[in-house]
mmCIF file of all heavy atoms, coordinates in Angstrom:
data_MODEL
# 
_entry.id   MODEL 
# 
loop_
_atom_site.group_PDB 
_atom_site.id 
_atom_site.type_symbol 
_atom_site.label_atom_id 
_atom_site.label_alt_id 
_atom_site.label_comp_id 
_atom_site.label_asym_id 
_atom_site.label_entity_id 
_atom_site.label_seq_id 
_atom_site.pdbx_PDB_ins_code 
_atom_site.Cartn_x 
_atom_site.Cartn_y 
_atom_site.Cartn_z 
_atom_site.occupancy 
_atom_site.B_iso_or_equiv 
_atom_site.pdbx_formal_charge 
_atom_site.auth_seq_id 
_atom_site.auth_comp_id 
_atom_site.auth_asym_id 
_atom_site.auth_atom_id 
_atom_site.pdbx_PDB_model_num 
ATOM 1   N N   . ARG A 1 1  ? -1.069 -11.741 -7.130 1.00 0.00 ? 1  ARG A N   1 
ATOM 2   C CA  . ARG A 1 1  ? 0.242  -11.942 -6.536 1.00 0.00 ? 1  ARG A CA  1 
ATOM 3   C C   . ARG A 1 1  ? 0.129  -12.633 -5.170 1.00 0.00 ? 1  ARG A C   1 
ATOM 4   O O   . ARG A 1 1  ? -0.983 -12.682 -4.559 1.00 0.00 ? 1  ARG A O   1 
ATOM 5   C CB  . ARG A 1 1  ? 1.005  -10.627 -6.238 1.00 0.00 ? 1  ARG A CB  1 
ATOM 6   C CG  . ARG A 1 1  ? 1.055  -9.668  -7.468 1.00 0.00 ? 1  ARG A CG  1 
ATOM 7   C CD  . ARG A 1 1  ? 1.752  -8.449  -7.130 1.00 0.00 ? 1  ARG A CD  1 
ATOM 8   N NE  . ARG A 1 1  ? 1.440  -7.321  -7.995 1.00 0.00 ? 1  ARG A NE  1 
ATOM 9   C CZ  . ARG A 1 1  ? 1.894  -6.040  -7.821 1.00 0.00 ? 1  ARG A CZ  1 
ATOM 10  N NH1 . ARG A 1 1  ? 2.716  -5.834  -6.786 1.00 0.00 ? 1  ARG A NH1 1 
ATOM 11  N NH2 . ARG A 1 1  ? 1.556  -5.170  -8.681 1.00 0.00 ? 1  ARG A NH2 1 
ATOM 12  N N   . GLN A 1 2  ? 1.251  -13.195 -4.717 1.00 0.00 ? 2  GLN A N   1 
ATOM 13  C CA  . GLN A 1 2  ? 1.358  -13.686 -3.329 1.00 0.00 ? 2  GLN A CA  1 
ATOM 14  C C   . GLN A 1 2  ? 1.486  -12.553 -2.383 1.00 0.00 ? 2  GLN A C   1 
ATOM 15  O O   . GLN A 1 2  ? 1.849  -11.548 -2.738 1.00 0.00 ? 2  GLN A O   1 
ATOM 16  C CB  . GLN A 1 2  ? 2.617  -14.680 -3.245 1.00 0.00 ? 2  GLN A CB  1 
ATOM 17  C CG  . GLN A 1 2  ? 2.473  -15.938 -4.041 1.00 0.00 ? 2  GLN A CG  1 
ATOM 18  C CD  . GLN A 1 2  ? 1.416  -16.821 -3.705 1.00 0.00 ? 2  GLN A CD  1 
ATOM 19  O OE1 . GLN A 1 2  ? 0.331  -16.911 -4.273 1.00 0.00 ? 2  GLN A OE1 1 
ATOM 20  N NE2 . GLN A 1 2  ? 1.678  -17.622 -2.545 1.00 0.00 ? 2  GLN A NE2 1 
ATOM 21  N N   . VAL A 1 3  ? 1.185  -12.848 -1.140 1.00 0.00 ? 3  VAL A N   1 
ATOM 22  C CA  . VAL A 1 3  ? 1.278  -11.846 -0.077 1.00 0.00 ? 3  VAL A CA  1 
ATOM 23  C C   . VAL A 1 3  ? 2.751  -11.245 -0.041 1.00 0.00 ? 3  VAL A C   1 
ATOM 24  O O   . VAL A 1 3  ? 2.903  -10.077 0.103  1.00 0.00 ? 3  VAL A O   1 
ATOM 25  C CB  . VAL A 1 3  ? 0.891  -12.405 1.281  1.00 0.00 ? 3  VAL A CB  1 
ATOM 26  C CG1 . VAL A 1 3  ? 1.282  -11.454 2.415  1.00 0.00 ? 3  VAL A CG1 1 
ATOM 27  C CG2 . VAL A 1 3  ? -0.597 -12.715 1.385  1.00 0.00 ? 3  VAL A CG2 1 
ATOM 28  N N   . SER A 1 4  ? 3.640  -12.138 -0.092 1.00 0.00 ? 4  SER A N   1 
ATOM 29  C CA  . SER A 1 4  ? 5.096  -11.704 0.088  1.00 0.00 ? 4  SER A CA  1 
ATOM 30  C C   . SER A 1 4  ? 5.539  -10.835 -1.119 1.00 0.00 ? 4  SER A C   1 
ATOM 31  O O   . SER A 1 4  ? 6.482  -10.080 -0.977 1.00 0.00 ? 4  SER A O   1 
ATOM 32  C CB  . SER A 1 4  ? 6.019  -12.856 0.159  1.00 0.00 ? 4  SER A CB  1 
ATOM 33  O OG  . SER A 1 4  ? 5.872  -13.718 -1.020 1.00 0.00 ? 4  SER A OG  1 
ATOM 34  N N   . ALA A 1 5  ? 4.781  -10.826 -2.199 1.00 0.00 ? 5  ALA A N   1 
ATOM 35  C CA  . ALA A 1 5  ? 5.175  -9.982  -3.341 1.00 0.00 ? 5  ALA A CA  1 
ATOM 36  C C   . ALA A 1 5  ? 4.532  -8.666  -3.415 1.00 0.00 ? 5  ALA A C   1 
ATOM 37  O O   . ALA A 1 5  ? 4.718  -7.880  -4.365 1.00 0.00 ? 5  ALA A O   1 
ATOM 38  C CB  . ALA A 1 5  ? 4.856  -10.831 -4.673 1.00 0.00 ? 5  ALA A CB  1 
ATOM 39  N N   . ILE A 1 6  ? 3.731  -8.354  -2.450 1.00 0.00 ? 6  ILE A N   1 
ATOM 40  C CA  . ILE A 1 6  ? 3.023  -7.108  -2.393 1.00 0.00 ? 6  ILE A CA  1 
ATOM 41  C C   . ILE A 1 6  ? 3.684  -6.214  -1.384 1.00 0.00 ? 6  ILE A C   1 
ATOM 42  O O   . ILE A 1 6  ? 3.849  -6.578  -0.185 1.00 0.00 ? 6  ILE A O   1 
ATOM 43  C CB  . ILE A 1 6  ? 1.522  -7.243  -2.048 1.00 0.00 ? 6  ILE A CB  1 
ATOM 44  C CG1 . ILE A 1 6  ? 0.862  -8.156  -3.150 1.00 0.00 ? 6  ILE A CG1 1 
ATOM 45  C CG2 . ILE A 1 6  ? 0.800  -5.865  -2.020 1.00 0.00 ? 6  ILE A CG2 1 
ATOM 46  C CD1 . ILE A 1 6  ? -0.527 -8.598  -2.753 1.00 0.00 ? 6  ILE A CD1 1 
ATOM 47  N N   . THR A 1 7  ? 3.964  -4.873  -1.705 1.00 0.00 ? 7  THR A N   1 
ATOM 48  C CA  . THR A 1 7  ? 4.617  -3.979  -0.819 1.00 0.00 ? 7  THR A CA  1 
ATOM 49  C C   . THR A 1 7  ? 3.636  -2.805  -0.440 1.00 0.00 ? 7  THR A C   1 
ATOM 50  O O   . THR A 1 7  ? 2.661  -2.633  -1.119 1.00 0.00 ? 7  THR A O   1 
ATOM 51  C CB  . THR A 1 7  ? 5.928  -3.441  -1.420 1.00 0.00 ? 7  THR A CB  1 
ATOM 52  O OG1 . THR A 1 7  ? 5.500  -2.563  -2.572 1.00 0.00 ? 7  THR A OG1 1 
ATOM 53  C CG2 . THR A 1 7  ? 6.843  -4.494  -1.874 1.00 0.00 ? 7  THR A CG2 1 
ATOM 54  N N   . ILE A 1 8  ? 4.013  -2.133  0.566  1.00 0.00 ? 8  ILE A N   1 
ATOM 55  C CA  . ILE A 1 8  ? 3.276  -0.916  0.907  1.00 0.00 ? 8  ILE A CA  1 
ATOM 56  C C   . ILE A 1 8  ? 3.175  0.044   -0.265 1.00 0.00 ? 8  ILE A C   1 
ATOM 57  O O   . ILE A 1 8  ? 2.218  0.634   -0.591 1.00 0.00 ? 8  ILE A O   1 
ATOM 58  C CB  . ILE A 1 8  ? 3.910  -0.145  2.135  1.00 0.00 ? 8  ILE A CB  1 
ATOM 59  C CG1 . ILE A 1 8  ? 3.637  -1.009  3.364  1.00 0.00 ? 8  ILE A CG1 1 
ATOM 60  C CG2 . ILE A 1 8  ? 3.280  1.177   2.239  1.00 0.00 ? 8  ILE A CG2 1 
ATOM 61  C CD1 . ILE A 1 8  ? 2.245  -1.030  3.913  1.00 0.00 ? 8  ILE A CD1 1 
ATOM 62  N N   . ARG A 1 9  ? 4.372  0.248   -0.985 1.00 0.00 ? 9  ARG A N   1 
ATOM 63  C CA  . ARG A 1 9  ? 4.366  1.032   -2.116 1.00 0.00 ? 9  ARG A CA  1 
ATOM 64  C C   . ARG A 1 9  ? 3.415  0.625   -3.169 1.00 0.00 ? 9  ARG A C   1 
ATOM 65  O O   . ARG A 1 9  ? 2.738  1.394   -3.792 1.00 0.00 ? 9  ARG A O   1 
ATOM 66  C CB  . ARG A 1 9  ? 5.802  1.138   -2.696 1.00 0.00 ? 9  ARG A CB  1 
ATOM 67  C CG  . ARG A 1 9  ? 6.023  2.008   -3.887 1.00 0.00 ? 9  ARG A CG  1 
ATOM 68  C CD  . ARG A 1 9  ? 7.427  2.127   -4.218 1.00 0.00 ? 9  ARG A CD  1 
ATOM 69  N NE  . ARG A 1 9  ? 8.150  2.976   -3.320 1.00 0.00 ? 9  ARG A NE  1 
ATOM 70  C CZ  . ARG A 1 9  ? 9.426  3.236   -3.431 1.00 0.00 ? 9  ARG A CZ  1 
ATOM 71  N NH1 . ARG A 1 9  ? 10.116 2.863   -4.447 1.00 0.00 ? 9  ARG A NH1 1 
ATOM 72  N NH2 . ARG A 1 9  ? 10.107 3.874   -2.426 1.00 0.00 ? 9  ARG A NH2 1 
ATOM 73  N N   . ASP A 1 10 ? 3.310  -0.731  -3.395 1.00 0.00 ? 10 ASP A N   1 
ATOM 74  C CA  . ASP A 1 10 ? 2.387  -1.261  -4.394 1.00 0.00 ? 10 ASP A CA  1 
ATOM 75  C C   . ASP A 1 10 ? 0.996  -0.838  -4.061 1.00 0.00 ? 10 ASP A C   1 
ATOM 76  O O   . ASP A 1 10 ? 0.225  -0.451  -4.857 1.00 0.00 ? 10 ASP A O   1 
ATOM 77  C CB  . ASP A 1 10 ? 2.500  -2.796  -4.509 1.00 0.00 ? 10 ASP A CB  1 
ATOM 78  C CG  . ASP A 1 10 ? 3.805  -3.219  -5.064 1.00 0.00 ? 10 ASP A CG  1 
ATOM 79  O OD1 . ASP A 1 10 ? 4.455  -2.500  -5.814 1.00 0.00 ? 10 ASP A OD1 1 
ATOM 80  O OD2 . ASP A 1 10 ? 4.227  -4.349  -4.667 1.00 0.00 ? 10 ASP A OD2 1 
ATOM 81  N N   . LEU A 1 11 ? 0.605  -1.104  -2.729 1.00 0.00 ? 11 LEU A N   1 
ATOM 82  C CA  . LEU A 1 11 ? -0.697 -0.773  -2.330 1.00 0.00 ? 11 LEU A CA  1 
ATOM 83  C C   . LEU A 1 11 ? -1.109 0.667   -2.397 1.00 0.00 ? 11 LEU A C   1 
ATOM 84  O O   . LEU A 1 11 ? -2.128 1.083   -2.926 1.00 0.00 ? 11 LEU A O   1 
ATOM 85  C CB  . LEU A 1 11 ? -0.894 -1.302  -0.827 1.00 0.00 ? 11 LEU A CB  1 
ATOM 86  C CG  . LEU A 1 11 ? -0.858 -2.838  -0.660 1.00 0.00 ? 11 LEU A CG  1 
ATOM 87  C CD1 . LEU A 1 11 ? -0.590 -3.205  0.732  1.00 0.00 ? 11 LEU A CD1 1 
ATOM 88  C CD2 . LEU A 1 11 ? -2.225 -3.370  -1.086 1.00 0.00 ? 11 LEU A CD2 1 
ATOM 89  N N   . ALA A 1 12 ? -0.187 1.517   -1.918 1.00 0.00 ? 12 ALA A N   1 
ATOM 90  C CA  . ALA A 1 12 ? -0.402 2.991   -1.961 1.00 0.00 ? 12 ALA A CA  1 
ATOM 91  C C   . ALA A 1 12 ? -0.577 3.434   -3.325 1.00 0.00 ? 12 ALA A C   1 
ATOM 92  O O   . ALA A 1 12 ? -1.381 4.204   -3.686 1.00 0.00 ? 12 ALA A O   1 
ATOM 93  C CB  . ALA A 1 12 ? 0.720  3.670   -1.241 1.00 0.00 ? 12 ALA A CB  1 
ATOM 94  N N   . GLY A 1 13 ? 0.356  2.905   -4.256 1.00 0.00 ? 13 GLY A N   1 
ATOM 95  C CA  . GLY A 1 13 ? 0.326  3.414   -5.614 1.00 0.00 ? 13 GLY A CA  1 
ATOM 96  C C   . GLY A 1 13 ? -0.994 2.966   -6.342 1.00 0.00 ? 13 GLY A C   1 
ATOM 97  O O   . GLY A 1 13 ? -1.630 3.712   -7.074 1.00 0.00 ? 13 GLY A O   1 
ATOM 98  N N   . ALA A 1 14 ? -1.300 1.730   -6.112 1.00 0.00 ? 14 ALA A N   1 
ATOM 99  C CA  . ALA A 1 14 ? -2.541 1.245   -6.770 1.00 0.00 ? 14 ALA A CA  1 
ATOM 100 C C   . ALA A 1 14 ? -3.787 1.917   -6.241 1.00 0.00 ? 14 ALA A C   1 
ATOM 101 O O   . ALA A 1 14 ? -4.851 2.134   -7.007 1.00 0.00 ? 14 ALA A O   1 
ATOM 102 C CB  . ALA A 1 14 ? -2.733 -0.285  -6.552 1.00 0.00 ? 14 ALA A CB  1 
ATOM 103 N N   . ALA A 1 15 ? -3.803 2.299   -5.008 1.00 0.00 ? 15 ALA A N   1 
ATOM 104 C CA  . ALA A 1 15 ? -4.890 2.998   -4.395 1.00 0.00 ? 15 ALA A CA  1 
ATOM 105 C C   . ALA A 1 15 ? -4.898 4.504   -4.633 1.00 0.00 ? 15 ALA A C   1 
ATOM 106 O O   . ALA A 1 15 ? -5.851 5.173   -4.272 1.00 0.00 ? 15 ALA A O   1 
ATOM 107 C CB  . ALA A 1 15 ? -4.984 2.702   -2.852 1.00 0.00 ? 15 ALA A CB  1 
ATOM 108 N N   . ASP A 1 16 ? -3.777 4.993   -5.111 1.00 0.00 ? 16 ASP A N   1 
ATOM 109 C CA  . ASP A 1 16 ? -3.636 6.458   -5.389 1.00 0.00 ? 16 ASP A CA  1 
ATOM 110 C C   . ASP A 1 16 ? -3.687 7.308   -4.061 1.00 0.00 ? 16 ASP A C   1 
ATOM 111 O O   . ASP A 1 16 ? -4.397 8.242   -4.004 1.00 0.00 ? 16 ASP A O   1 
ATOM 112 C CB  . ASP A 1 16 ? -4.684 6.917   -6.409 1.00 0.00 ? 16 ASP A CB  1 
ATOM 113 C CG  . ASP A 1 16 ? -4.317 8.300   -6.984 1.00 0.00 ? 16 ASP A CG  1 
ATOM 114 O OD1 . ASP A 1 16 ? -3.064 8.631   -6.924 1.00 0.00 ? 16 ASP A OD1 1 
ATOM 115 O OD2 . ASP A 1 16 ? -5.200 8.983   -7.450 1.00 0.00 ? 16 ASP A OD2 1 
ATOM 116 N N   . VAL A 1 17 ? -3.041 6.716   -3.065 1.00 0.00 ? 17 VAL A N   1 
ATOM 117 C CA  . VAL A 1 17 ? -2.853 7.509   -1.828 1.00 0.00 ? 17 VAL A CA  1 
ATOM 118 C C   . VAL A 1 17 ? -1.385 7.518   -1.471 1.00 0.00 ? 17 VAL A C   1 
ATOM 119 O O   . VAL A 1 17 ? -0.650 6.717   -1.958 1.00 0.00 ? 17 VAL A O   1 
ATOM 120 C CB  . VAL A 1 17 ? -3.728 6.811   -0.761 1.00 0.00 ? 17 VAL A CB  1 
ATOM 121 C CG1 . VAL A 1 17 ? -5.173 6.780   -1.021 1.00 0.00 ? 17 VAL A CG1 1 
ATOM 122 C CG2 . VAL A 1 17 ? -3.226 5.425   -0.370 1.00 0.00 ? 17 VAL A CG2 1 
ATOM 123 N N   . SER A 1 18 ? -1.045 8.439   -0.543 1.00 0.00 ? 18 SER A N   1 
ATOM 124 C CA  . SER A 1 18 ? 0.309  8.344   -0.120 1.00 0.00 ? 18 SER A CA  1 
ATOM 125 C C   . SER A 1 18 ? 0.465  7.222   0.922  1.00 0.00 ? 18 SER A C   1 
ATOM 126 O O   . SER A 1 18 ? -0.463 6.821   1.560  1.00 0.00 ? 18 SER A O   1 
ATOM 127 C CB  . SER A 1 18 ? 0.653  9.790   0.566  1.00 0.00 ? 18 SER A CB  1 
ATOM 128 O OG  . SER A 1 18 ? -0.121 9.855   1.830  1.00 0.00 ? 18 SER A OG  1 
ATOM 129 N N   . GLU A 1 19 ? 1.778  6.819   1.228  1.00 0.00 ? 19 GLU A N   1 
ATOM 130 C CA  . GLU A 1 19 ? 1.965  5.844   2.134  1.00 0.00 ? 19 GLU A CA  1 
ATOM 131 C C   . GLU A 1 19 ? 1.623  6.242   3.555  1.00 0.00 ? 19 GLU A C   1 
ATOM 132 O O   . GLU A 1 19 ? 1.155  5.473   4.379  1.00 0.00 ? 19 GLU A O   1 
ATOM 133 C CB  . GLU A 1 19 ? 3.454  5.443   2.088  1.00 0.00 ? 19 GLU A CB  1 
ATOM 134 C CG  . GLU A 1 19 ? 3.843  4.642   0.810  1.00 0.00 ? 19 GLU A CG  1 
ATOM 135 C CD  . GLU A 1 19 ? 5.282  4.149   0.825  1.00 0.00 ? 19 GLU A CD  1 
ATOM 136 O OE1 . GLU A 1 19 ? 5.883  3.990   1.885  1.00 0.00 ? 19 GLU A OE1 1 
ATOM 137 O OE2 . GLU A 1 19 ? 5.833  4.091   -0.308 1.00 0.00 ? 19 GLU A OE2 1 
ATOM 138 N N   . GLY A 1 20 ? 1.799  7.559   3.858  1.00 0.00 ? 20 GLY A N   1 
ATOM 139 C CA  . GLY A 1 20 ? 1.376  8.134   5.144  1.00 0.00 ? 20 GLY A CA  1 
ATOM 140 C C   . GLY A 1 20 ? -0.137 7.930   5.357  1.00 0.00 ? 20 GLY A C   1 
ATOM 141 O O   . GLY A 1 20 ? -0.580 7.585   6.473  1.00 0.00 ? 20 GLY A O   1 
ATOM 142 N N   . VAL A 1 21 ? -0.969 8.162   4.363  1.00 0.00 ? 21 VAL A N   1 
ATOM 143 C CA  . VAL A 1 21 ? -2.404 7.960   4.440  1.00 0.00 ? 21 VAL A CA  1 
ATOM 144 C C   . VAL A 1 21 ? -2.740 6.468   4.835  1.00 0.00 ? 21 VAL A C   1 
ATOM 145 O O   . VAL A 1 21 ? -3.547 6.190   5.575  1.00 0.00 ? 21 VAL A O   1 
ATOM 146 C CB  . VAL A 1 21 ? -3.100 8.453   3.170  1.00 0.00 ? 21 VAL A CB  1 
ATOM 147 C CG1 . VAL A 1 21 ? -4.637 7.952   3.084  1.00 0.00 ? 21 VAL A CG1 1 
ATOM 148 C CG2 . VAL A 1 21 ? -3.051 9.942   2.974  1.00 0.00 ? 21 VAL A CG2 1 
ATOM 149 N N   . PHE A 1 22 ? -2.022 5.609   4.137  1.00 0.00 ? 22 PHE A N   1 
ATOM 150 C CA  . PHE A 1 22 ? -2.288 4.179   4.336  1.00 0.00 ? 22 PHE A CA  1 
ATOM 151 C C   . PHE A 1 22 ? -2.265 3.845   5.874  1.00 0.00 ? 22 PHE A C   1 
ATOM 152 O O   . PHE A 1 22 ? -3.020 3.193   6.426  1.00 0.00 ? 22 PHE A O   1 
ATOM 153 C CB  . PHE A 1 22 ? -1.207 3.376   3.527  1.00 0.00 ? 22 PHE A CB  1 
ATOM 154 C CG  . PHE A 1 22 ? -1.159 1.944   3.911  1.00 0.00 ? 22 PHE A CG  1 
ATOM 155 C CD1 . PHE A 1 22 ? -1.945 1.098   3.096  1.00 0.00 ? 22 PHE A CD1 1 
ATOM 156 C CD2 . PHE A 1 22 ? -0.362 1.408   4.818  1.00 0.00 ? 22 PHE A CD2 1 
ATOM 157 C CE1 . PHE A 1 22 ? -1.910 -0.323  3.350  1.00 0.00 ? 22 PHE A CE1 1 
ATOM 158 C CE2 . PHE A 1 22 ? -0.353 0.022   5.196  1.00 0.00 ? 22 PHE A CE2 1 
ATOM 159 C CZ  . PHE A 1 22 ? -1.120 -0.736  4.443  1.00 0.00 ? 22 PHE A CZ  1 
ATOM 160 N N   . TYR A 1 23 ? -1.174 4.331   6.474  1.00 0.00 ? 23 TYR A N   1 
ATOM 161 C CA  . TYR A 1 23 ? -0.985 4.092   7.910  1.00 0.00 ? 23 TYR A CA  1 
ATOM 162 C C   . TYR A 1 23 ? -2.061 4.688   8.858  1.00 0.00 ? 23 TYR A C   1 
ATOM 163 O O   . TYR A 1 23 ? -2.117 4.303   9.947  1.00 0.00 ? 23 TYR A O   1 
ATOM 164 C CB  . TYR A 1 23 ? 0.435  4.484   8.403  1.00 0.00 ? 23 TYR A CB  1 
ATOM 165 C CG  . TYR A 1 23 ? 1.534  3.640   7.829  1.00 0.00 ? 23 TYR A CG  1 
ATOM 166 C CD1 . TYR A 1 23 ? 2.348  4.042   6.843  1.00 0.00 ? 23 TYR A CD1 1 
ATOM 167 C CD2 . TYR A 1 23 ? 1.657  2.298   8.324  1.00 0.00 ? 23 TYR A CD2 1 
ATOM 168 C CE1 . TYR A 1 23 ? 3.376  3.222   6.343  1.00 0.00 ? 23 TYR A CE1 1 
ATOM 169 C CE2 . TYR A 1 23 ? 2.594  1.408   7.836  1.00 0.00 ? 23 TYR A CE2 1 
ATOM 170 C CZ  . TYR A 1 23 ? 3.394  1.873   6.802  1.00 0.00 ? 23 TYR A CZ  1 
ATOM 171 O OH  . TYR A 1 23 ? 4.450  1.078   6.308  1.00 0.00 ? 23 TYR A OH  1 
ATOM 172 N N   . ASN A 1 24 ? -2.977 5.573   8.361  1.00 0.00 ? 24 ASN A N   1 
ATOM 173 C CA  . ASN A 1 24 ? -4.013 6.091   9.088  1.00 0.00 ? 24 ASN A CA  1 
ATOM 174 C C   . ASN A 1 24 ? -5.138 5.015   9.270  1.00 0.00 ? 24 ASN A C   1 
ATOM 175 O O   . ASN A 1 24 ? -5.949 5.108   10.149 1.00 0.00 ? 24 ASN A O   1 
ATOM 176 C CB  . ASN A 1 24 ? -4.607 7.311   8.442  1.00 0.00 ? 24 ASN A CB  1 
ATOM 177 C CG  . ASN A 1 24 ? -3.734 8.536   8.495  1.00 0.00 ? 24 ASN A CG  1 
ATOM 178 O OD1 . ASN A 1 24 ? -2.856 8.649   9.437  1.00 0.00 ? 24 ASN A OD1 1 
ATOM 179 N ND2 . ASN A 1 24 ? -3.866 9.391   7.504  1.00 0.00 ? 24 ASN A ND2 1 
ATOM 180 N N   . TYR A 1 25 ? -5.077 3.995   8.543  1.00 0.00 ? 25 TYR A N   1 
ATOM 181 C CA  . TYR A 1 25 ? -6.128 2.922   8.470  1.00 0.00 ? 25 TYR A CA  1 
ATOM 182 C C   . TYR A 1 25 ? -5.671 1.576   8.869  1.00 0.00 ? 25 TYR A C   1 
ATOM 183 O O   . TYR A 1 25 ? -6.519 0.791   9.341  1.00 0.00 ? 25 TYR A O   1 
ATOM 184 C CB  . TYR A 1 25 ? -6.853 2.975   7.141  1.00 0.00 ? 25 TYR A CB  1 
ATOM 185 C CG  . TYR A 1 25 ? -7.501 4.286   6.751  1.00 0.00 ? 25 TYR A CG  1 
ATOM 186 C CD1 . TYR A 1 25 ? -6.775 5.344   6.126  1.00 0.00 ? 25 TYR A CD1 1 
ATOM 187 C CD2 . TYR A 1 25 ? -8.766 4.584   7.230  1.00 0.00 ? 25 TYR A CD2 1 
ATOM 188 C CE1 . TYR A 1 25 ? -7.263 6.518   5.810  1.00 0.00 ? 25 TYR A CE1 1 
ATOM 189 C CE2 . TYR A 1 25 ? -9.375 5.882   6.901  1.00 0.00 ? 25 TYR A CE2 1 
ATOM 190 C CZ  . TYR A 1 25 ? -8.615 6.786   6.272  1.00 0.00 ? 25 TYR A CZ  1 
ATOM 191 O OH  . TYR A 1 25 ? -9.175 7.980   6.016  1.00 0.00 ? 25 TYR A OH  1 
ATOM 192 N N   . PHE A 1 26 ? -4.468 1.288   8.577  1.00 0.00 ? 26 PHE A N   1 
ATOM 193 C CA  . PHE A 1 26 ? -3.957 -0.016  8.894  1.00 0.00 ? 26 PHE A CA  1 
ATOM 194 C C   . PHE A 1 26 ? -2.556 0.075   9.514  1.00 0.00 ? 26 PHE A C   1 
ATOM 195 O O   . PHE A 1 26 ? -1.680 0.873   9.061  1.00 0.00 ? 26 PHE A O   1 
ATOM 196 C CB  . PHE A 1 26 ? -3.884 -0.936  7.697  1.00 0.00 ? 26 PHE A CB  1 
ATOM 197 C CG  . PHE A 1 26 ? -5.297 -1.114  7.075  1.00 0.00 ? 26 PHE A CG  1 
ATOM 198 C CD1 . PHE A 1 26 ? -5.708 -0.382  6.042  1.00 0.00 ? 26 PHE A CD1 1 
ATOM 199 C CD2 . PHE A 1 26 ? -6.029 -2.173  7.484  1.00 0.00 ? 26 PHE A CD2 1 
ATOM 200 C CE1 . PHE A 1 26 ? -7.002 -0.562  5.456  1.00 0.00 ? 26 PHE A CE1 1 
ATOM 201 C CE2 . PHE A 1 26 ? -7.274 -2.427  7.000  1.00 0.00 ? 26 PHE A CE2 1 
ATOM 202 C CZ  . PHE A 1 26 ? -7.871 -1.622  5.932  1.00 0.00 ? 26 PHE A CZ  1 
# 
């Protein structure tokens, strides 16, 4: 996908982590 087509929810879901955990690193 393009950068604009990727959301935080997409990233967290694919990584199997919560969105809150995501923000601990980026």
